[in-house]
Amino acid sequence: MNSLTKSLFACSIVGLLACPVAVLAHDDAENRHERAHDYLDMDHQSVHEGLEAQHEAAHEFPMTKKQHKKLHKQLKREHRQAHRDLQDQHDDFHDRND
């Protein structure tokens, strides 16, 4: 083997050895990111289920139109706040892992 062939061979071996480490590191980060999104999705679903349960429970009792409107405003306010909290958690995750 001449020196050029040896150099190319050495580079290809180093490349093969380095790539799996980089791929594994990327896969680990990607898996961590995916798990974080799965957690936030489950939390989001839970928030919606909780708000729906509150809504249904409140409708078990008679209420005036004014009370009904007030109930829906409160639920919408809680819904928006829950979304802000989830977005903040999402942003915090990305800030820590970027």
N, C-alpha and C. Protein backbone atom coordinates (compact mmCIF):
# COMPACT_ATOMS: atom_id res chain seq x y z
N MET A 1 0.84 -1.19 0.00
CA MET A 1 0.00 0.00 0.00
C MET A 1 0.88 1.24 0.00
N ASN A 2 0.52 2.18 -0.83
CA ASN A 2 1.28 3.42 -0.82
C ASN A 2 0.73 4.34 0.27
N SER A 3 1.37 5.43 0.50
CA SER A 3 0.98 6.31 1.61
C SER A 3 -0.39 6.95 1.38
N LEU A 4 -0.74 7.26 0.15
CA LEU A 4 -2.06 7.82 -0.13
C LEU A 4 -3.15 6.80 0.19
N THR A 5 -2.95 5.57 -0.21
CA THR A 5 -3.91 4.52 0.07
C THR A 5 -4.04 4.29 1.57
N LYS A 6 -2.91 4.30 2.28
CA LYS A 6 -2.94 4.13 3.74
C LYS A 6 -3.69 5.29 4.40
N SER A 7 -3.46 6.50 3.92
CA SER A 7 -4.13 7.67 4.50
C SER A 7 -5.64 7.60 4.28
N LEU A 8 -6.04 7.25 3.07
CA LEU A 8 -7.47 7.13 2.77
C LEU A 8 -8.11 6.02 3.60
N PHE A 9 -7.39 4.90 3.73
CA PHE A 9 -7.88 3.79 4.54
C PHE A 9 -8.04 4.23 5.99
N ALA A 10 -7.03 4.92 6.51
CA ALA A 10 -7.08 5.38 7.90
C ALA A 10 -8.23 6.35 8.11
N CYS A 11 -8.43 7.27 7.16
CA CYS A 11 -9.53 8.23 7.27
C CYS A 11 -10.88 7.54 7.24
N SER A 12 -11.00 6.54 6.39
CA SER A 12 -12.29 5.84 6.31
C SER A 12 -12.57 5.07 7.59
N ILE A 13 -11.53 4.46 8.19
CA ILE A 13 -11.71 3.74 9.46
C ILE A 13 -12.09 4.71 10.57
N VAL A 14 -11.40 5.85 10.65
CA VAL A 14 -11.73 6.85 11.67
C VAL A 14 -13.16 7.34 11.46
N GLY A 15 -13.54 7.57 10.20
CA GLY A 15 -14.90 8.02 9.91
C GLY A 15 -15.94 7.00 10.34
N LEU A 16 -15.67 5.73 10.10
CA LEU A 16 -16.60 4.68 10.50
C LEU A 16 -16.72 4.59 12.01
N LEU A 17 -15.62 4.79 12.69
CA LEU A 17 -15.65 4.72 14.16
C LEU A 17 -16.31 5.95 14.77
N ALA A 18 -16.12 7.10 14.16
CA ALA A 18 -16.67 8.34 14.72
C ALA A 18 -18.16 8.48 14.43
N CYS A 19 -18.61 8.04 13.29
CA CYS A 19 -20.01 8.23 12.91
C CYS A 19 -20.99 7.57 13.88
N PRO A 20 -20.77 6.30 14.28
CA PRO A 20 -21.74 5.71 15.20
C PRO A 20 -21.87 6.48 16.50
N VAL A 21 -20.78 7.04 17.01
CA VAL A 21 -20.85 7.83 18.25
C VAL A 21 -21.70 9.07 18.02
N ALA A 22 -21.47 9.75 16.91
CA ALA A 22 -22.26 10.94 16.61
C ALA A 22 -23.73 10.59 16.40
N VAL A 23 -23.98 9.50 15.72
CA VAL A 23 -25.36 9.07 15.47
C VAL A 23 -26.04 8.69 16.78
N LEU A 24 -25.34 7.97 17.64
CA LEU A 24 -25.92 7.60 18.93
C LEU A 24 -26.21 8.82 19.78
N ALA A 25 -25.28 9.78 19.79
CA ALA A 25 -25.51 11.00 20.56
C ALA A 25 -26.72 11.75 20.02
N HIS A 26 -26.84 11.81 18.70
CA HIS A 26 -27.98 12.48 18.09
C HIS A 26 -29.27 11.73 18.41
N ASP A 27 -29.23 10.39 18.31
CA ASP A 27 -30.42 9.58 18.61
C ASP A 27 -30.84 9.78 20.06
N ASP A 28 -29.87 9.84 20.99
CA ASP A 28 -30.20 10.03 22.40
C ASP A 28 -30.88 11.39 22.61
N ALA A 29 -30.33 12.43 22.00
CA ALA A 29 -30.93 13.76 22.12
C ALA A 29 -32.31 13.78 21.49
N GLU A 30 -32.44 13.13 20.35
CA GLU A 30 -33.73 13.08 19.66
C GLU A 30 -34.75 12.31 20.50
N ASN A 31 -34.32 11.21 21.12
CA ASN A 31 -35.22 10.43 21.98
C ASN A 31 -35.63 11.24 23.20
N ARG A 32 -34.68 11.97 23.78
CA ARG A 32 -35.00 12.81 24.94
C ARG A 32 -36.02 13.87 24.53
N HIS A 33 -35.82 14.46 23.37
CA HIS A 33 -36.73 15.48 22.86
C HIS A 33 -38.12 14.88 22.62
N GLU A 34 -38.14 13.71 22.01
CA GLU A 34 -39.42 13.04 21.74
C GLU A 34 -40.14 12.69 23.05
N ARG A 35 -39.40 12.19 24.03
CA ARG A 35 -40.01 11.86 25.33
C ARG A 35 -40.57 13.11 26.00
N ALA A 36 -39.86 14.22 25.91
CA ALA A 36 -40.35 15.47 26.50
C ALA A 36 -41.65 15.90 25.83
N HIS A 37 -41.70 15.79 24.52
CA HIS A 37 -42.94 16.14 23.80
C HIS A 37 -44.06 15.17 24.16
N ASP A 38 -43.76 13.90 24.31
CA ASP A 38 -44.78 12.93 24.71
C ASP A 38 -45.35 13.29 26.08
N TYR A 39 -44.45 13.66 27.01
CA TYR A 39 -44.89 14.06 28.35
C TYR A 39 -45.79 15.29 28.26
N LEU A 40 -45.38 16.28 27.50
CA LEU A 40 -46.18 17.50 27.37
C LEU A 40 -47.51 17.21 26.70
N ASP A 41 -47.53 16.32 25.73
CA ASP A 41 -48.78 15.92 25.08
C ASP A 41 -49.73 15.25 26.07
N MET A 42 -49.17 14.36 26.91
CA MET A 42 -50.01 13.69 27.92
C MET A 42 -50.53 14.71 28.92
N ASP A 43 -49.68 15.64 29.33
CA ASP A 43 -50.09 16.69 30.26
C ASP A 43 -51.18 17.55 29.63
N HIS A 44 -51.02 17.88 28.36
CA HIS A 44 -52.00 18.67 27.62
C HIS A 44 -53.35 17.95 27.59
N GLN A 45 -53.31 16.66 27.28
CA GLN A 45 -54.53 15.86 27.24
C GLN A 45 -55.20 15.82 28.61
N SER A 46 -54.39 15.68 29.64
CA SER A 46 -54.91 15.65 31.00
C SER A 46 -55.60 16.96 31.37
N VAL A 47 -55.00 18.08 30.98
CA VAL A 47 -55.60 19.39 31.24
C VAL A 47 -56.96 19.48 30.56
N HIS A 48 -57.04 19.05 29.30
CA HIS A 48 -58.31 19.11 28.58
C HIS A 48 -59.36 18.21 29.24
N GLU A 49 -58.95 17.04 29.66
CA GLU A 49 -59.89 16.14 30.33
C GLU A 49 -60.39 16.74 31.64
N GLY A 50 -59.48 17.37 32.38
CA GLY A 50 -59.87 18.01 33.64
C GLY A 50 -60.84 19.16 33.42
N LEU A 51 -60.57 19.98 32.43
CA LEU A 51 -61.48 21.09 32.13
C LEU A 51 -62.84 20.59 31.65
N GLU A 52 -62.82 19.55 30.85
CA GLU A 52 -64.09 18.96 30.39
C GLU A 52 -64.88 18.38 31.56
N ALA A 53 -64.19 17.76 32.49
CA ALA A 53 -64.86 17.21 33.68
C ALA A 53 -65.48 18.33 34.51
N GLN A 54 -64.74 19.44 34.67
CA GLN A 54 -65.29 20.59 35.40
C GLN A 54 -66.53 21.12 34.68
N HIS A 55 -66.45 21.21 33.38
CA HIS A 55 -67.56 21.72 32.58
C HIS A 55 -68.80 20.84 32.75
N GLU A 56 -68.60 19.54 32.61
CA GLU A 56 -69.74 18.62 32.74
C GLU A 56 -70.31 18.64 34.16
N ALA A 57 -69.45 18.70 35.16
CA ALA A 57 -69.92 18.73 36.55
C ALA A 57 -70.74 19.99 36.81
N ALA A 58 -70.28 21.10 36.28
CA ALA A 58 -71.01 22.36 36.50
C ALA A 58 -72.38 22.32 35.84
N HIS A 59 -72.50 21.61 34.73
CA HIS A 59 -73.79 21.54 34.04
C HIS A 59 -74.77 20.58 34.72
N GLU A 60 -74.33 19.93 35.76
CA GLU A 60 -75.25 19.08 36.53
C GLU A 60 -76.19 19.92 37.39
N PHE A 61 -75.85 21.18 37.56
CA PHE A 61 -76.64 22.07 38.40
C PHE A 61 -77.28 23.15 37.54
N PRO A 62 -78.48 23.57 37.93
CA PRO A 62 -79.12 24.65 37.17
C PRO A 62 -78.33 25.96 37.33
N MET A 63 -78.30 26.74 36.27
CA MET A 63 -77.61 28.04 36.34
C MET A 63 -78.27 29.00 35.37
N THR A 64 -78.11 30.26 35.69
CA THR A 64 -78.65 31.29 34.82
C THR A 64 -77.71 31.45 33.61
N LYS A 65 -78.19 32.20 32.61
CA LYS A 65 -77.35 32.46 31.44
C LYS A 65 -76.07 33.19 31.85
N LYS A 66 -76.22 34.11 32.79
CA LYS A 66 -75.08 34.88 33.28
C LYS A 66 -74.06 33.95 33.95
N GLN A 67 -74.55 33.05 34.79
CA GLN A 67 -73.66 32.09 35.46
C GLN A 67 -72.99 31.16 34.44
N HIS A 68 -73.76 30.75 33.43
CA HIS A 68 -73.24 29.87 32.40
C HIS A 68 -72.12 30.56 31.61
N LYS A 69 -72.36 31.81 31.27
CA LYS A 69 -71.35 32.59 30.55
C LYS A 69 -70.09 32.76 31.41
N LYS A 70 -70.30 33.03 32.69
CA LYS A 70 -69.18 33.20 33.62
C LYS A 70 -68.37 31.89 33.73
N LEU A 71 -69.06 30.77 33.78
CA LEU A 71 -68.41 29.46 33.85
C LEU A 71 -67.52 29.26 32.63
N HIS A 72 -68.06 29.53 31.45
CA HIS A 72 -67.29 29.33 30.22
C HIS A 72 -66.10 30.28 30.13
N LYS A 73 -66.26 31.51 30.59
CA LYS A 73 -65.14 32.45 30.61
C LYS A 73 -64.03 31.92 31.53
N GLN A 74 -64.43 31.42 32.68
CA GLN A 74 -63.45 30.88 33.63
C GLN A 74 -62.73 29.67 33.04
N LEU A 75 -63.46 28.77 32.41
CA LEU A 75 -62.84 27.58 31.80
C LEU A 75 -61.90 27.98 30.66
N LYS A 76 -62.29 28.96 29.86
CA LYS A 76 -61.42 29.43 28.78
C LYS A 76 -60.15 30.05 29.35
N ARG A 77 -60.30 30.81 30.43
CA ARG A 77 -59.15 31.43 31.08
C ARG A 77 -58.19 30.36 31.60
N GLU A 78 -58.73 29.33 32.25
CA GLU A 78 -57.91 28.22 32.74
C GLU A 78 -57.24 27.48 31.58
N HIS A 79 -57.96 27.32 30.50
CA HIS A 79 -57.43 26.64 29.32
C HIS A 79 -56.25 27.42 28.73
N ARG A 80 -56.42 28.72 28.58
CA ARG A 80 -55.33 29.56 28.06
C ARG A 80 -54.11 29.50 28.99
N GLN A 81 -54.35 29.56 30.29
CA GLN A 81 -53.24 29.52 31.25
C GLN A 81 -52.53 28.17 31.19
N ALA A 82 -53.28 27.11 31.04
CA ALA A 82 -52.66 25.78 30.93
C ALA A 82 -51.79 25.70 29.68
N HIS A 83 -52.26 26.27 28.59
CA HIS A 83 -51.46 26.28 27.36
C HIS A 83 -50.19 27.11 27.54
N ARG A 84 -50.30 28.24 28.22
CA ARG A 84 -49.11 29.06 28.47
C ARG A 84 -48.10 28.28 29.33
N ASP A 85 -48.61 27.59 30.35
CA ASP A 85 -47.73 26.80 31.22
C ASP A 85 -47.02 25.69 30.43
N LEU A 86 -47.77 25.01 29.58
CA LEU A 86 -47.17 23.96 28.76
C LEU A 86 -46.15 24.53 27.79
N GLN A 87 -46.45 25.67 27.20
CA GLN A 87 -45.49 26.31 26.29
C GLN A 87 -44.23 26.72 27.04
N ASP A 88 -44.40 27.23 28.26
CA ASP A 88 -43.24 27.59 29.08
C ASP A 88 -42.38 26.36 29.39
N GLN A 89 -43.04 25.25 29.73
CA GLN A 89 -42.29 24.01 29.99
C GLN A 89 -41.54 23.57 28.74
N HIS A 90 -42.20 23.66 27.60
CA HIS A 90 -41.58 23.30 26.32
C HIS A 90 -40.36 24.18 26.05
N ASP A 91 -40.53 25.49 26.22
CA ASP A 91 -39.43 26.42 25.98
C ASP A 91 -38.28 26.17 26.94
N ASP A 92 -38.60 25.91 28.21
CA ASP A 92 -37.55 25.61 29.20
C ASP A 92 -36.77 24.37 28.82
N PHE A 93 -37.47 23.34 28.33
CA PHE A 93 -36.78 22.13 27.90
C PHE A 93 -35.78 22.45 26.80
N HIS A 94 -36.24 23.23 25.81
CA HIS A 94 -35.36 23.55 24.69
C HIS A 94 -34.20 24.46 25.13
N ASP A 95 -34.47 25.38 26.05
CA ASP A 95 -33.40 26.25 26.54
C ASP A 95 -32.31 25.46 27.25
N ARG A 96 -32.71 24.44 28.01
CA ARG A 96 -31.74 23.61 28.75
C ARG A 96 -30.99 22.67 27.83
N ASN A 97 -31.60 22.28 26.72
CA ASN A 97 -31.00 21.25 25.87
C ASN A 97 -30.47 21.74 24.54
N ASP A 98 -30.45 23.03 24.33
CA ASP A 98 -29.89 23.55 23.07
C ASP A 98 -28.43 23.87 23.22
